[in-house]
Amino acid sequence: SSIWAVDGLTRSVPNSNGRMISKSSSLFTRDNGT
């Protein structure tokens, strides 16, 4: 699975489960294929 975030300040980091999570100041996020 992957999460896509669209924002000027987006950062993608792995969480404790090894999954990529996107931190953004918030436009939208989409979780694809969880």
PDB file of N, CA and C in Angstrom:
ATOM      1  N   SER A   1       0.838  -1.200   0.000  1.00  0.00           N
ATOM      2  CA  SER A   1       0.000   0.000   0.000  1.00  0.00           C
ATOM      3  C   SER A   1       0.868   1.242   0.000  1.00  0.00           C
ATOM      4  N   SER A   2       0.320   2.292  -0.495  1.00  0.00           N
ATOM      5  CA  SER A   2       1.054   3.554  -0.470  1.00  0.00           C
ATOM      6  C   SER A   2       0.081   4.700  -0.275  1.00  0.00           C
ATOM      7  N   ILE A   3       0.555   5.731   0.372  1.00  0.00           N
ATOM      8  CA  ILE A   3      -0.278   6.908   0.598  1.00  0.00           C
ATOM      9  C   ILE A   3       0.306   8.064  -0.189  1.00  0.00           C
ATOM     10  N   TRP A   4      -0.534   8.755  -0.917  1.00  0.00           N
ATOM     11  CA  TRP A   4      -0.107   9.904  -1.699  1.00  0.00           C
ATOM     12  C   TRP A   4      -0.680  11.166  -1.072  1.00  0.00           C
ATOM     13  N   ALA A   5       0.168  12.136  -0.875  1.00  0.00           N
ATOM     14  CA  ALA A   5      -0.301  13.413  -0.363  1.00  0.00           C
ATOM     15  C   ALA A   5       0.170  14.501  -1.301  1.00  0.00           C
ATOM     16  N   VAL A   6      -0.692  15.449  -1.568  1.00  0.00           N
ATOM     17  CA  VAL A   6      -0.326  16.558  -2.431  1.00  0.00           C
ATOM     18  C   VAL A   6      -0.372  17.836  -1.616  1.00  0.00           C
ATOM     19  N   ASP A   7       0.782  18.440  -1.433  1.00  0.00           N
ATOM     20  CA  ASP A   7       0.878  19.646  -0.634  1.00  0.00           C
ATOM     21  C   ASP A   7       2.260  20.238  -0.816  1.00  0.00           C
ATOM     22  N   GLY A   8       2.388  21.518  -0.593  1.00  0.00           N
ATOM     23  CA  GLY A   8       3.688  22.162  -0.723  1.00  0.00           C
ATOM     24  C   GLY A   8       4.670  21.721   0.338  1.00  0.00           C
ATOM     25  N   LEU A   9       4.159  21.189   1.445  1.00  0.00           N
ATOM     26  CA  LEU A   9       5.018  20.831   2.568  1.00  0.00           C
ATOM     27  C   LEU A   9       4.944  19.349   2.912  1.00  0.00           C
ATOM     28  N   THR A  10       4.682  18.552   1.884  1.00  0.00           N
ATOM     29  CA  THR A  10       4.532  17.118   2.122  1.00  0.00           C
ATOM     30  C   THR A  10       5.844  16.454   2.477  1.00  0.00           C
ATOM     31  N   ARG A  11       5.780  15.593   3.469  1.00  0.00           N
ATOM     32  CA  ARG A  11       6.922  14.752   3.799  1.00  0.00           C
ATOM     33  C   ARG A  11       6.437  13.315   3.927  1.00  0.00           C
ATOM     34  N   SER A  12       7.146  12.401   3.296  1.00  0.00           N
ATOM     35  CA  SER A  12       6.780  10.991   3.419  1.00  0.00           C
ATOM     36  C   SER A  12       7.808  10.282   4.280  1.00  0.00           C
ATOM     37  N   VAL A  13       7.343   9.594   5.295  1.00  0.00           N
ATOM     38  CA  VAL A  13       8.235   8.904   6.218  1.00  0.00           C
ATOM     39  C   VAL A  13       7.682   7.522   6.541  1.00  0.00           C
ATOM     40  N   PRO A  14       8.549   6.554   6.824  1.00  0.00           N
ATOM     41  CA  PRO A  14       8.063   5.241   7.231  1.00  0.00           C
ATOM     42  C   PRO A  14       7.588   5.281   8.683  1.00  0.00           C
ATOM     43  N   ASN A  15       6.441   4.650   8.943  1.00  0.00           N
ATOM     44  CA  ASN A  15       5.996   4.578  10.331  1.00  0.00           C
ATOM     45  C   ASN A  15       6.538   3.311  10.973  1.00  0.00           C
ATOM     46  N   SER A  16       6.113   3.019  12.179  1.00  0.00           N
ATOM     47  CA  SER A  16       6.677   1.898  12.933  1.00  0.00           C
ATOM     48  C   SER A  16       6.386   0.542  12.286  1.00  0.00           C
ATOM     49  N   ASN A  17       5.406   0.512  11.385  1.00  0.00           N
ATOM     50  CA  ASN A  17       5.097  -0.721  10.667  1.00  0.00           C
ATOM     51  C   ASN A  17       5.869  -0.835   9.360  1.00  0.00           C
ATOM     52  N   GLY A  18       6.730   0.141   9.084  1.00  0.00           N
ATOM     53  CA  GLY A  18       7.503   0.121   7.857  1.00  0.00           C
ATOM     54  C   GLY A  18       6.731   0.637   6.662  1.00  0.00           C
ATOM     55  N   ARG A  19       5.550   1.186   6.925  1.00  0.00           N
ATOM     56  CA  ARG A  19       4.700   1.698   5.860  1.00  0.00           C
ATOM     57  C   ARG A  19       4.972   3.180   5.660  1.00  0.00           C
ATOM     58  N   MET A  20       4.936   3.610   4.412  1.00  0.00           N
ATOM     59  CA  MET A  20       5.157   5.024   4.151  1.00  0.00           C
ATOM     60  C   MET A  20       3.908   5.817   4.505  1.00  0.00           C
ATOM     61  N   ILE A  21       4.101   6.840   5.317  1.00  0.00           N
ATOM     62  CA  ILE A  21       3.005   7.745   5.632  1.00  0.00           C
ATOM     63  C   ILE A  21       3.389   9.155   5.213  1.00  0.00           C
ATOM     64  N   SER A  22       2.402   9.904   4.771  1.00  0.00           N
ATOM     65  CA  SER A  22       2.678  11.245   4.288  1.00  0.00           C
ATOM     66  C   SER A  22       2.138  12.273   5.264  1.00  0.00           C
ATOM     67  N   LYS A  23       3.009  13.179   5.630  1.00  0.00           N
ATOM     68  CA  LYS A  23       2.617  14.274   6.509  1.00  0.00           C
ATOM     69  C   LYS A  23       2.485  15.522   5.642  1.00  0.00           C
ATOM     70  N   SER A  24       1.329  16.150   5.657  1.00  0.00           N
ATOM     71  CA  SER A  24       1.205  17.377   4.894  1.00  0.00           C
ATOM     72  C   SER A  24       0.390  18.380   5.682  1.00  0.00           C
ATOM     73  N   SER A  25       0.511  19.634   5.311  1.00  0.00           N
ATOM     74  CA  SER A  25      -0.233  20.663   6.013  1.00  0.00           C
ATOM     75  C   SER A  25      -1.708  20.656   5.605  1.00  0.00           C
ATOM     76  N   SER A  26      -2.009  19.840   4.592  1.00  0.00           N
ATOM     77  CA  SER A  26      -3.357  19.408   4.239  1.00  0.00           C
ATOM     78  C   SER A  26      -3.981  20.017   3.009  1.00  0.00           C
ATOM     79  N   LEU A  27      -3.872  19.314   1.922  1.00  0.00           N
ATOM     80  CA  LEU A  27      -4.744  19.524   0.773  1.00  0.00           C
ATOM     81  C   LEU A  27      -5.562  18.250   0.644  1.00  0.00           C
ATOM     82  N   PHE A  28      -4.905  17.157   0.258  1.00  0.00           N
ATOM     83  CA  PHE A  28      -5.588  15.880   0.338  1.00  0.00           C
ATOM     84  C   PHE A  28      -4.597  14.739   0.471  1.00  0.00           C
ATOM     85  N   THR A  29      -5.092  13.635   1.018  1.00  0.00           N
ATOM     86  CA  THR A  29      -4.304  12.411   1.063  1.00  0.00           C
ATOM     87  C   THR A  29      -5.143  11.293   0.474  1.00  0.00           C
ATOM     88  N   ARG A  30      -4.480  10.374  -0.162  1.00  0.00           N
ATOM     89  CA  ARG A  30      -5.186   9.236  -0.737  1.00  0.00           C
ATOM     90  C   ARG A  30      -4.447   7.969  -0.352  1.00  0.00           C
ATOM     91  N   ASP A  31      -5.168   7.041   0.235  1.00  0.00           N
ATOM     92  CA  ASP A  31      -4.571   5.769   0.591  1.00  0.00           C
ATOM     93  C   ASP A  31      -4.878   4.790  -0.533  1.00  0.00           C
ATOM     94  N   ASN A  32      -3.837   4.305  -1.184  1.00  0.00           N
ATOM     95  CA  ASN A  32      -4.003   3.494  -2.383  1.00  0.00           C
ATOM     96  C   ASN A  32      -3.624   2.047  -2.122  1.00  0.00           C
ATOM     97  N   GLY A  33      -4.590   1.151  -2.222  1.00  0.00           N
ATOM     98  CA  GLY A  33      -4.310  -0.275  -2.159  1.00  0.00           C
ATOM     99  C   GLY A  33      -3.958  -0.793  -0.786  1.00  0.00           C
ATOM    100  N   THR A  34      -4.576  -0.273   0.228  1.00  0.00           N
ATOM    101  CA  THR A  34      -4.297  -0.726   1.586  1.00  0.00           C
ATOM    102  C   THR A  34      -4.724  -2.181   1.766  1.00  0.00           C
TER     103      THR A  34
END
